[in-house]
Amino acid sequence: MSLKDSKEINIYKKYGCQCGDGWFELIQELCQRITNMYKFEGIDIDIEILQVKEKFGKLRFYYRHFEDSNTIQAIDFLGVGSLRLSPPSDEECEYKKKISELVHSYEEWSSHICEKCGARGELRTDLLWKKTLCEDCYQEMIESN
């Protein structure tokens, strides 16, 4: 698949954010911090958001740098965890490493914010699907099933 083809297959452009509204501020803050990092470094923004979703109860924020052909950023293992892939470690890619670390920290932070309402929450593993929910939204979900 060429880069031109991969730009045409952009799930984010097609579906937008595939997660609850409770993470809106978290995602907005992440995007603002990435933008600020580019401004601070004096570099033109060179990333394309590929997908923003919930997976295994946590936020997943997938992106690629324009010149990178590799768009795989994580491999998730059911019930075990996630393997994060990072950009090369040469000096030129220092800002890419910082962005990768920032994204990873926000993905982890999402496991403490209710995906539904944005209140303080926790990762619930006793539901049919793993979800990060506050106590009220958790009880509401249990009662509705």
C-alpha atoms as a PDB file:
ATOM      1  CA  MET A   1       0.000   0.000   0.000  1.00  0.00           C
ATOM      2  CA  SER A   2       1.424   3.390  -0.928  1.00  0.00           C
ATOM      3  CA  LEU A   3       1.312   6.485   1.283  1.00  0.00           C
ATOM      4  CA  LYS A   4      -1.260   7.962  -1.071  1.00  0.00           C
ATOM      5  CA  ASP A   5      -3.499   4.937  -0.490  1.00  0.00           C
ATOM      6  CA  SER A   6      -3.033   5.096   3.300  1.00  0.00           C
ATOM      7  CA  LYS A   7      -4.155   8.729   3.373  1.00  0.00           C
ATOM      8  CA  GLU A   8      -7.408   7.675   1.734  1.00  0.00           C
ATOM      9  CA  ILE A   9      -8.019   5.066   4.454  1.00  0.00           C
ATOM     10  CA  ASN A  10      -8.325   7.365   7.460  1.00  0.00           C
ATOM     11  CA  ILE A  11     -10.811   6.072  10.007  1.00  0.00           C
ATOM     12  CA  TYR A  12     -10.703   9.343  11.984  1.00  0.00           C
ATOM     13  CA  LYS A  13     -11.751  11.394   8.956  1.00  0.00           C
ATOM     14  CA  LYS A  14     -14.525   8.916   8.227  1.00  0.00           C
ATOM     15  CA  TYR A  15     -15.930   8.333  11.747  1.00  0.00           C
ATOM     16  CA  GLY A  16     -14.419  10.968  14.055  1.00  0.00           C
ATOM     17  CA  CYS A  17     -13.809  10.083  17.698  1.00  0.00           C
ATOM     18  CA  GLN A  18     -15.068   6.618  18.547  1.00  0.00           C
ATOM     19  CA  CYS A  19     -15.356   7.039  22.296  1.00  0.00           C
ATOM     20  CA  GLY A  20     -17.629   8.619  24.871  1.00  0.00           C
ATOM     21  CA  ASP A  21     -18.007  12.362  25.412  1.00  0.00           C
ATOM     22  CA  GLY A  22     -16.368  12.120  28.843  1.00  0.00           C
ATOM     23  CA  TRP A  23     -12.941  12.032  27.201  1.00  0.00           C
ATOM     24  CA  PHE A  24     -13.538  15.142  25.063  1.00  0.00           C
ATOM     25  CA  GLU A  25     -11.529  17.476  27.319  1.00  0.00           C
ATOM     26  CA  LEU A  26      -8.745  14.902  27.655  1.00  0.00           C
ATOM     27  CA  ILE A  27      -8.446  14.577  23.855  1.00  0.00           C
ATOM     28  CA  GLN A  28      -8.685  18.348  23.372  1.00  0.00           C
ATOM     29  CA  GLU A  29      -5.919  18.924  25.930  1.00  0.00           C
ATOM     30  CA  LEU A  30      -3.710  16.265  24.310  1.00  0.00           C
ATOM     31  CA  CYS A  31      -4.116  17.879  20.887  1.00  0.00           C
ATOM     32  CA  GLN A  32      -3.365  21.326  22.342  1.00  0.00           C
ATOM     33  CA  ARG A  33      -0.214  20.060  24.057  1.00  0.00           C
ATOM     34  CA  ILE A  34       0.970  18.453  20.811  1.00  0.00           C
ATOM     35  CA  THR A  35       0.310  21.727  18.960  1.00  0.00           C
ATOM     36  CA  ASN A  36       2.187  23.677  21.658  1.00  0.00           C
ATOM     37  CA  MET A  37       5.131  21.277  21.378  1.00  0.00           C
ATOM     38  CA  TYR A  38       5.413  21.977  17.648  1.00  0.00           C
ATOM     39  CA  LYS A  39       5.258  25.739  18.291  1.00  0.00           C
ATOM     40  CA  PHE A  40       7.931  25.489  21.003  1.00  0.00           C
ATOM     41  CA  GLU A  41      10.207  23.428  18.739  1.00  0.00           C
ATOM     42  CA  GLY A  42       9.567  25.810  15.811  1.00  0.00           C
ATOM     43  CA  ILE A  43       8.520  22.918  13.579  1.00  0.00           C
ATOM     44  CA  ASP A  44       5.562  22.777  11.203  1.00  0.00           C
ATOM     45  CA  ILE A  45       2.937  20.283  12.310  1.00  0.00           C
ATOM     46  CA  ASP A  46       3.682  17.043  10.497  1.00  0.00           C
ATOM     47  CA  ILE A  47       1.184  14.573  11.911  1.00  0.00           C
ATOM     48  CA  GLU A  48      -2.106  13.180  10.710  1.00  0.00           C
ATOM     49  CA  ILE A  49      -4.596  11.728  13.192  1.00  0.00           C
ATOM     50  CA  LEU A  50      -5.606   8.282  11.982  1.00  0.00           C
ATOM     51  CA  GLN A  51      -7.979   7.068  14.686  1.00  0.00           C
ATOM     52  CA  VAL A  52      -9.257   8.103  18.126  1.00  0.00           C
ATOM     53  CA  LYS A  53     -11.166   5.398  19.980  1.00  0.00           C
ATOM     54  CA  GLU A  54     -11.705   3.404  23.139  1.00  0.00           C
ATOM     55  CA  LYS A  55     -10.093  -0.021  23.335  1.00  0.00           C
ATOM     56  CA  PHE A  56     -10.000  -2.270  26.394  1.00  0.00           C
ATOM     57  CA  GLY A  57     -11.389   0.608  28.460  1.00  0.00           C
ATOM     58  CA  LYS A  58      -8.664   3.112  27.548  1.00  0.00           C
ATOM     59  CA  LEU A  59      -8.180   5.846  24.995  1.00  0.00           C
ATOM     60  CA  ARG A  60      -6.285   4.967  21.824  1.00  0.00           C
ATOM     61  CA  PHE A  61      -4.887   7.888  19.824  1.00  0.00           C
ATOM     62  CA  TYR A  62      -3.327   6.720  16.571  1.00  0.00           C
ATOM     63  CA  TYR A  63      -1.422   9.110  14.302  1.00  0.00           C
ATOM     64  CA  ARG A  64       1.453   9.162  11.854  1.00  0.00           C
ATOM     65  CA  HIS A  65       4.093  11.661  10.843  1.00  0.00           C
ATOM     66  CA  PHE A  66       3.755  12.622   7.174  1.00  0.00           C
ATOM     67  CA  GLU A  67       7.134  11.193   6.155  1.00  0.00           C
ATOM     68  CA  ASP A  68       6.645   7.921   8.064  1.00  0.00           C
ATOM     69  CA  SER A  69       5.273   4.945   6.188  1.00  0.00           C
ATOM     70  CA  ASN A  70       4.655   2.928   9.373  1.00  0.00           C
ATOM     71  CA  THR A  71       1.241   3.650  10.869  1.00  0.00           C
ATOM     72  CA  ILE A  72       1.181   0.830  13.440  1.00  0.00           C
ATOM     73  CA  GLN A  73       1.655   2.338  16.893  1.00  0.00           C
ATOM     74  CA  ALA A  74       0.369  -0.340  19.225  1.00  0.00           C
ATOM     75  CA  ILE A  75      -0.412  -3.995  19.363  1.00  0.00           C
ATOM     76  CA  ASP A  76      -3.079  -4.824  21.930  1.00  0.00           C
ATOM     77  CA  PHE A  77      -3.233  -8.229  23.578  1.00  0.00           C
ATOM     78  CA  LEU A  78      -6.603  -9.262  25.000  1.00  0.00           C
ATOM     79  CA  GLY A  79      -6.451  -9.241  28.776  1.00  0.00           C
ATOM     80  CA  VAL A  80      -2.677  -8.822  28.895  1.00  0.00           C
ATOM     81  CA  GLY A  81      -1.822  -5.288  27.853  1.00  0.00           C
ATOM     82  CA  SER A  82      -0.455  -3.282  24.994  1.00  0.00           C
ATOM     83  CA  LEU A  83       2.873  -3.147  23.201  1.00  0.00           C
ATOM     84  CA  ARG A  84       3.665   0.457  22.238  1.00  0.00           C
ATOM     85  CA  LEU A  85       5.857   1.125  19.231  1.00  0.00           C
ATOM     86  CA  SER A  86       7.991   4.274  19.332  1.00  0.00           C
ATOM     87  CA  PRO A  87       9.776   6.282  16.645  1.00  0.00           C
ATOM     88  CA  PRO A  88      13.510   5.770  16.017  1.00  0.00           C
ATOM     89  CA  SER A  89      15.791   7.162  18.706  1.00  0.00           C
ATOM     90  CA  ASP A  90      18.127   9.328  16.622  1.00  0.00           C
ATOM     91  CA  GLU A  91      18.560  12.995  17.577  1.00  0.00           C
ATOM     92  CA  GLU A  92      16.416  14.267  14.703  1.00  0.00           C
ATOM     93  CA  CYS A  93      13.412  12.412  16.096  1.00  0.00           C
ATOM     94  CA  GLU A  94      13.546  13.816  19.632  1.00  0.00           C
ATOM     95  CA  TYR A  95      10.275  15.727  19.160  1.00  0.00           C
ATOM     96  CA  LYS A  96       8.641  12.543  17.812  1.00  0.00           C
ATOM     97  CA  LYS A  97       9.682  10.689  20.970  1.00  0.00           C
ATOM     98  CA  LYS A  98       8.216  13.483  23.097  1.00  0.00           C
ATOM     99  CA  ILE A  99       4.918  13.298  21.209  1.00  0.00           C
ATOM    100  CA  SER A 100       4.835   9.516  21.531  1.00  0.00           C
ATOM    101  CA  GLU A 101       5.446   9.748  25.289  1.00  0.00           C
ATOM    102  CA  LEU A 102       2.787  12.451  25.627  1.00  0.00           C
ATOM    103  CA  VAL A 103       0.203  10.370  23.740  1.00  0.00           C
ATOM    104  CA  HIS A 104       1.025   7.308  25.826  1.00  0.00           C
ATOM    105  CA  SER A 105       0.642   9.253  29.085  1.00  0.00           C
ATOM    106  CA  TYR A 106      -2.793  10.553  28.029  1.00  0.00           C
ATOM    107  CA  GLU A 107      -3.879   7.070  27.004  1.00  0.00           C
ATOM    108  CA  GLU A 108      -2.911   5.834  30.485  1.00  0.00           C
ATOM    109  CA  TRP A 109      -4.554   8.838  32.134  1.00  0.00           C
ATOM    110  CA  SER A 110      -7.828   7.918  30.380  1.00  0.00           C
ATOM    111  CA  SER A 111      -8.136   4.881  32.684  1.00  0.00           C
ATOM    112  CA  HIS A 112      -8.870   7.344  35.521  1.00  0.00           C
ATOM    113  CA  ILE A 113     -11.505   9.460  33.710  1.00  0.00           C
ATOM    114  CA  CYS A 114     -15.067   8.298  33.124  1.00  0.00           C
ATOM    115  CA  GLU A 115     -15.518   7.843  29.387  1.00  0.00           C
ATOM    116  CA  LYS A 116     -19.211   8.687  29.691  1.00  0.00           C
ATOM    117  CA  CYS A 117     -19.261  11.860  31.841  1.00  0.00           C
ATOM    118  CA  GLY A 118     -15.630  12.954  32.407  1.00  0.00           C
ATOM    119  CA  ALA A 119     -15.675  12.584  36.213  1.00  0.00           C
ATOM    120  CA  ARG A 120     -12.980  10.706  38.108  1.00  0.00           C
ATOM    121  CA  GLY A 121     -13.355   7.052  37.188  1.00  0.00           C
ATOM    122  CA  GLU A 122     -11.660   3.708  37.248  1.00  0.00           C
ATOM    123  CA  LEU A 123     -11.129   0.896  34.805  1.00  0.00           C
ATOM    124  CA  ARG A 124     -13.989  -1.592  35.275  1.00  0.00           C
ATOM    125  CA  THR A 125     -13.080  -5.129  34.264  1.00  0.00           C
ATOM    126  CA  ASP A 126     -16.187  -6.912  35.582  1.00  0.00           C
ATOM    127  CA  LEU A 127     -18.458  -5.774  32.723  1.00  0.00           C
ATOM    128  CA  LEU A 128     -18.999  -7.466  29.385  1.00  0.00           C
ATOM    129  CA  TRP A 129     -16.577  -4.894  27.893  1.00  0.00           C
ATOM    130  CA  LYS A 130     -13.836  -3.162  29.853  1.00  0.00           C
ATOM    131  CA  LYS A 131     -14.858   0.448  30.496  1.00  0.00           C
ATOM    132  CA  THR A 132     -13.500   3.354  32.499  1.00  0.00           C
ATOM    133  CA  LEU A 133     -16.448   4.725  34.463  1.00  0.00           C
ATOM    134  CA  CYS A 134     -17.193   6.757  37.554  1.00  0.00           C
ATOM    135  CA  GLU A 135     -19.281   5.125  40.287  1.00  0.00           C
ATOM    136  CA  ASP A 136     -22.572   6.724  39.100  1.00  0.00           C
ATOM    137  CA  CYS A 137     -22.133   5.733  35.431  1.00  0.00           C
ATOM    138  CA  TYR A 138     -20.978   2.275  36.518  1.00  0.00           C
ATOM    139  CA  GLN A 139     -24.120   1.752  38.625  1.00  0.00           C
ATOM    140  CA  GLU A 140     -26.281   3.082  35.783  1.00  0.00           C
ATOM    141  CA  MET A 141     -24.702   0.604  33.371  1.00  0.00           C
ATOM    142  CA  ILE A 142     -25.212  -2.309  35.782  1.00  0.00           C
ATOM    143  CA  GLU A 143     -28.862  -1.377  36.345  1.00  0.00           C
ATOM    144  CA  SER A 144     -29.563  -1.051  32.609  1.00  0.00           C
ATOM    145  CA  ASN A 145     -28.357  -4.620  31.921  1.00  0.00           C
END
